[in-house]
């Protein structure tokens, strides 16, 4: 018969670190996406006369 020991539970600090890293990654991706969309919209709509409505 094998001796089964209880697996060690990860520390709460490990979860907090992973959570913080994921939040930072998502915020960075959101900002990059917003910059890309803004650049594209500026390139597409930049030549429109100011009196034209979209």
PDB file of N, CA and C in Angstrom:
ATOM      1  N   UNK A   1       0.846  -1.165   0.000  1.00  0.00           N
ATOM      2  CA  UNK A   1       0.000   0.000   0.000  1.00  0.00           C
ATOM      3  C   UNK A   1       0.901   1.241   0.000  1.00  0.00           C
ATOM      4  N   UNK A   2       0.530   2.225  -0.822  1.00  0.00           N
ATOM      5  CA  UNK A   2       1.335   3.442  -0.892  1.00  0.00           C
ATOM      6  C   UNK A   2       0.849   4.452   0.126  1.00  0.00           C
ATOM      7  N   UNK A   3       1.753   5.227   0.605  1.00  0.00           N
ATOM      8  CA  UNK A   3       1.422   6.268   1.572  1.00  0.00           C
ATOM      9  C   UNK A   3       1.056   7.537   0.808  1.00  0.00           C
ATOM     10  N   UNK A   4      -0.188   7.936   0.885  1.00  0.00           N
ATOM     11  CA  UNK A   4      -0.629   9.152   0.191  1.00  0.00           C
ATOM     12  C   UNK A   4      -0.639  10.314   1.173  1.00  0.00           C
ATOM     13  N   UNK A   5       0.140  11.279   0.861  1.00  0.00           N
ATOM     14  CA  UNK A   5       0.156  12.470   1.706  1.00  0.00           C
ATOM     15  C   UNK A   5      -0.777  13.517   1.102  1.00  0.00           C
ATOM     16  N   UNK A   6      -1.269  14.382   1.934  1.00  0.00           N
ATOM     17  CA  UNK A   6      -2.148  15.437   1.468  1.00  0.00           C
ATOM     18  C   UNK A   6      -1.324  16.444   0.675  1.00  0.00           C
ATOM     19  N   UNK A   7      -1.769  16.766  -0.546  1.00  0.00           N
ATOM     20  CA  UNK A   7      -0.993  17.735  -1.333  1.00  0.00           C
ATOM     21  C   UNK A   7      -1.023  19.106  -0.664  1.00  0.00           C
ATOM     22  N   UNK A   8       0.086  19.790  -0.771  1.00  0.00           N
ATOM     23  CA  UNK A   8       0.183  21.118  -0.164  1.00  0.00           C
ATOM     24  C   UNK A   8      -0.695  22.094  -0.934  1.00  0.00           C
ATOM     25  N   UNK A   9      -1.433  22.881  -0.211  1.00  0.00           N
ATOM     26  CA  UNK A   9      -2.265  23.893  -0.845  1.00  0.00           C
ATOM     27  C   UNK A   9      -1.415  25.118  -1.165  1.00  0.00           C
ATOM     28  N   UNK A  10      -1.654  25.719  -2.325  1.00  0.00           N
ATOM     29  CA  UNK A  10      -0.891  26.927  -2.660  1.00  0.00           C
ATOM     30  C   UNK A  10      -1.170  28.046  -1.656  1.00  0.00           C
ATOM     31  N   UNK A  11      -0.182  28.836  -1.452  1.00  0.00           N
ATOM     32  CA  UNK A  11      -0.298  29.956  -0.526  1.00  0.00           C
ATOM     33  C   UNK A  11      -1.192  31.038  -1.128  1.00  0.00           C
ATOM     34  N   UNK A  12      -1.915  31.768  -0.282  1.00  0.00           N
ATOM     35  CA  UNK A  12      -2.782  32.854  -0.755  1.00  0.00           C
ATOM     36  C   UNK A  12      -1.966  33.920  -1.484  1.00  0.00           C
ATOM     37  N   UNK A  13      -0.724  34.101  -1.080  1.00  0.00           N
ATOM     38  CA  UNK A  13       0.124  35.087  -1.739  1.00  0.00           C
ATOM     39  C   UNK A  13       0.375  34.687  -3.190  1.00  0.00           C
ATOM     40  N   UNK A  14       0.460  33.371  -3.457  1.00  0.00           N
ATOM     41  CA  UNK A  14       0.639  32.906  -4.832  1.00  0.00           C
ATOM     42  C   UNK A  14      -0.565  33.281  -5.686  1.00  0.00           C
ATOM     43  N   UNK A  15      -1.764  33.091  -5.140  1.00  0.00           N
ATOM     44  CA  UNK A  15      -2.972  33.458  -5.872  1.00  0.00           C
ATOM     45  C   UNK A  15      -3.009  34.965  -6.120  1.00  0.00           C
ATOM     46  N   UNK A  16      -2.640  35.735  -5.123  1.00  0.00           N
ATOM     47  CA  UNK A  16      -2.650  37.195  -5.269  1.00  0.00           C
ATOM     48  C   UNK A  16      -1.668  37.634  -6.346  1.00  0.00           C
ATOM     49  N   UNK A  17      -0.519  36.999  -6.388  1.00  0.00           N
ATOM     50  CA  UNK A  17       0.483  37.344  -7.398  1.00  0.00           C
ATOM     51  C   UNK A  17      -0.014  37.013  -8.791  1.00  0.00           C
ATOM     52  N   UNK A  18      -0.580  35.836  -8.953  1.00  0.00           N
ATOM     53  CA  UNK A  18      -1.109  35.437 -10.265  1.00  0.00           C
ATOM     54  C   UNK A  18      -2.247  36.366 -10.667  1.00  0.00           C
ATOM     55  N   UNK A  19      -3.125  36.682  -9.722  1.00  0.00           N
ATOM     56  CA  UNK A  19      -4.251  37.581 -10.011  1.00  0.00           C
ATOM     57  C   UNK A  19      -3.740  38.950 -10.452  1.00  0.00           C
ATOM     58  N   UNK A  20      -2.773  39.480  -9.733  1.00  0.00           N
ATOM     59  CA  UNK A  20      -2.205  40.785 -10.075  1.00  0.00           C
ATOM     60  C   UNK A  20      -1.576  40.762 -11.461  1.00  0.00           C
ATOM     61  N   UNK A  21      -0.861  39.694 -11.778  1.00  0.00           N
ATOM     62  CA  UNK A  21      -0.232  39.575 -13.096  1.00  0.00           C
ATOM     63  C   UNK A  21      -1.277  39.510 -14.205  1.00  0.00           C
ATOM     64  N   UNK A  22      -2.358  38.765 -13.985  1.00  0.00           N
ATOM     65  CA  UNK A  22      -3.411  38.643 -14.998  1.00  0.00           C
ATOM     66  C   UNK A  22      -4.111  39.985 -15.198  1.00  0.00           C
ATOM     67  N   UNK A  23      -4.397  40.685 -14.102  1.00  0.00           N
ATOM     68  CA  UNK A  23      -5.040  41.997 -14.202  1.00  0.00           C
ATOM     69  C   UNK A  23      -4.152  42.963 -14.986  1.00  0.00           C
ATOM     70  N   UNK A  24      -2.869  42.966 -14.700  1.00  0.00           N
ATOM     71  CA  UNK A  24      -1.941  43.853 -15.409  1.00  0.00           C
ATOM     72  C   UNK A  24      -1.875  43.508 -16.886  1.00  0.00           C
ATOM     73  N   UNK A  25      -1.867  42.229 -17.200  1.00  0.00           N
ATOM     74  CA  UNK A  25      -1.830  41.798 -18.598  1.00  0.00           C
ATOM     75  C   UNK A  25      -3.085  42.236 -19.340  1.00  0.00           C
ATOM     76  N   UNK A  26      -4.244  42.063 -18.716  1.00  0.00           N
ATOM     77  CA  UNK A  26      -5.504  42.463 -19.353  1.00  0.00           C
ATOM     78  C   UNK A  26      -5.583  43.978 -19.537  1.00  0.00           C
ATOM     79  N   UNK A  27      -5.149  44.739 -18.553  1.00  0.00           N
ATOM     80  CA  UNK A  27      -5.157  46.192 -18.684  1.00  0.00           C
ATOM     81  C   UNK A  27      -4.230  46.649 -19.810  1.00  0.00           C
ATOM     82  N   UNK A  28      -3.078  46.021 -19.905  1.00  0.00           N
ATOM     83  CA  UNK A  28      -2.131  46.357 -20.966  1.00  0.00           C
ATOM     84  C   UNK A  28      -2.724  46.029 -22.338  1.00  0.00           C
ATOM     85  N   UNK A  29      -3.362  44.886 -22.455  1.00  0.00           N
ATOM     86  CA  UNK A  29      -3.982  44.497 -23.726  1.00  0.00           C
ATOM     87  C   UNK A  29      -5.127  45.439 -24.086  1.00  0.00           C
ATOM     88  N   UNK A  30      -5.916  45.858 -23.091  1.00  0.00           N
ATOM     89  CA  UNK A  30      -7.024  46.784 -23.347  1.00  0.00           C
ATOM     90  C   UNK A  30      -6.497  48.122 -23.855  1.00  0.00           C
ATOM     91  N   UNK A  31      -5.443  48.610 -23.240  1.00  0.00           N
ATOM     92  CA  UNK A  31      -4.870  49.889 -23.683  1.00  0.00           C
ATOM     93  C   UNK A  31      -4.296  49.777 -25.099  1.00  0.00           C
ATOM     94  N   UNK A  32      -3.632  48.669 -25.386  1.00  0.00           N
ATOM     95  CA  UNK A  32      -3.071  48.471 -26.725  1.00  0.00           C
ATOM     96  C   UNK A  32      -4.176  48.398 -27.772  1.00  0.00           C
ATOM     97  N   UNK A  33      -5.268  47.715 -27.448  1.00  0.00           N
ATOM     98  CA  UNK A  33      -6.394  47.628 -28.375  1.00  0.00           C
ATOM     99  C   UNK A  33      -7.017  49.004 -28.600  1.00  0.00           C
ATOM    100  N   UNK A  34      -7.173  49.773 -27.532  1.00  0.00           N
ATOM    101  CA  UNK A  34      -7.743  51.112 -27.665  1.00  0.00           C
ATOM    102  C   UNK A  34      -6.855  52.002 -28.528  1.00  0.00           C
ATOM    103  N   UNK A  35      -5.535  51.916 -28.344  1.00  0.00           N
ATOM    104  CA  UNK A  35      -4.614  52.707 -29.179  1.00  0.00           C
ATOM    105  C   UNK A  35      -4.727  52.309 -30.637  1.00  0.00           C
ATOM    106  N   UNK A  36      -4.847  51.018 -30.900  1.00  0.00           N
ATOM    107  CA  UNK A  36      -4.965  50.548 -32.278  1.00  0.00           C
ATOM    108  C   UNK A  36      -6.252  51.040 -32.923  1.00  0.00           C
ATOM    109  N   UNK A  37      -7.349  50.948 -32.191  1.00  0.00           N
ATOM    110  CA  UNK A  37      -8.634  51.414 -32.725  1.00  0.00           C
ATOM    111  C   UNK A  37      -8.591  52.920 -32.953  1.00  0.00           C
ATOM    112  N   UNK A  38      -8.041  53.662 -32.006  1.00  0.00           N
ATOM    113  CA  UNK A  38      -7.949  55.117 -32.169  1.00  0.00           C
ATOM    114  C   UNK A  38      -7.101  55.488 -33.381  1.00  0.00           C
ATOM    115  N   UNK A  39      -5.987  54.802 -33.588  1.00  0.00           N
ATOM    116  CA  UNK A  39      -5.130  55.078 -34.738  1.00  0.00           C
ATOM    117  C   UNK A  39      -5.857  54.763 -36.041  1.00  0.00           C
ATOM    118  N   UNK A  40      -6.572  53.659 -36.066  1.00  0.00           N
ATOM    119  CA  UNK A  40      -7.317  53.283 -37.264  1.00  0.00           C
ATOM    120  C   UNK A  40      -8.434  54.278 -37.557  1.00  0.00           C
ATOM    121  N   UNK A  41      -9.181  54.671 -36.529  1.00  0.00           N
ATOM    122  CA  UNK A  41     -10.266  55.629 -36.721  1.00  0.00           C
ATOM    123  C   UNK A  41      -9.716  56.986 -37.184  1.00  0.00           C
ATOM    124  N   UNK A  42      -8.591  57.390 -36.643  1.00  0.00           N
ATOM    125  CA  UNK A  42      -7.978  58.649 -37.063  1.00  0.00           C
ATOM    126  C   UNK A  42      -7.530  58.568 -38.515  1.00  0.00           C
ATOM    127  N   UNK A  43      -6.964  57.437 -38.902  1.00  0.00           N
ATOM    128  CA  UNK A  43      -6.513  57.269 -40.284  1.00  0.00           C
ATOM    129  C   UNK A  43      -7.694  57.251 -41.249  1.00  0.00           C
ATOM    130  N   UNK A  44      -8.787  56.621 -40.853  1.00  0.00           N
ATOM    131  CA  UNK A  44      -9.944  56.514 -41.740  1.00  0.00           C
ATOM    132  C   UNK A  44     -10.717  57.832 -41.802  1.00  0.00           C
ATOM    133  N   UNK A  45     -10.955  58.435 -40.651  1.00  0.00           N
ATOM    134  CA  UNK A  45     -11.827  59.605 -40.579  1.00  0.00           C
ATOM    135  C   UNK A  45     -11.075  60.926 -40.575  1.00  0.00           C
ATOM    136  N   UNK A  46      -9.764  60.889 -40.594  1.00  0.00           N
ATOM    137  CA  UNK A  46      -8.977  62.108 -40.496  1.00  0.00           C
ATOM    138  C   UNK A  46      -9.166  63.058 -41.660  1.00  0.00           C
ATOM    139  N   UNK A  47      -9.520  62.541 -42.822  1.00  0.00           N
ATOM    140  CA  UNK A  47      -9.652  63.389 -44.003  1.00  0.00           C
ATOM    141  C   UNK A  47     -11.061  63.931 -44.191  1.00  0.00           C
ATOM    142  N   UNK A  48     -11.980  63.540 -43.339  1.00  0.00           N
ATOM    143  CA  UNK A  48     -13.358  64.024 -43.479  1.00  0.00           C
ATOM    144  C   UNK A  48     -13.423  65.489 -43.105  1.00  0.00           C
ATOM    145  N   UNK A  49     -14.215  66.261 -43.837  1.00  0.00           N
ATOM    146  CA  UNK A  49     -14.401  67.667 -43.436  1.00  0.00           C
ATOM    147  C   UNK A  49     -15.088  67.740 -42.074  1.00  0.00           C
ATOM    148  N   UNK A  50     -14.798  68.747 -41.299  1.00  0.00           N
ATOM    149  CA  UNK A  50     -15.351  68.833 -39.946  1.00  0.00           C
ATOM    150  C   UNK A  50     -16.873  68.953 -39.918  1.00  0.00           C
ATOM    151  N   UNK A  51     -17.491  69.449 -40.985  1.00  0.00           N
ATOM    152  CA  UNK A  51     -18.935  69.628 -40.960  1.00  0.00           C
ATOM    153  C   UNK A  51     -19.712  68.339 -41.291  1.00  0.00           C
ATOM    154  N   UNK A  52     -19.010  67.295 -41.741  1.00  0.00           N
ATOM    155  CA  UNK A  52     -19.698  66.036 -42.078  1.00  0.00           C
ATOM    156  C   UNK A  52     -19.970  65.251 -40.817  1.00  0.00           C
ATOM    157  N   UNK A  53     -21.141  64.630 -40.773  1.00  0.00           N
ATOM    158  CA  UNK A  53     -21.486  63.792 -39.630  1.00  0.00           C
ATOM    159  C   UNK A  53     -21.228  62.337 -39.986  1.00  0.00           C
ATOM    160  N   UNK A  54     -20.837  61.594 -39.027  1.00  0.00           N
ATOM    161  CA  UNK A  54     -20.570  60.173 -39.238  1.00  0.00           C
ATOM    162  C   UNK A  54     -21.862  59.414 -39.109  1.00  0.00           C
TER     163      UNK A  54
END
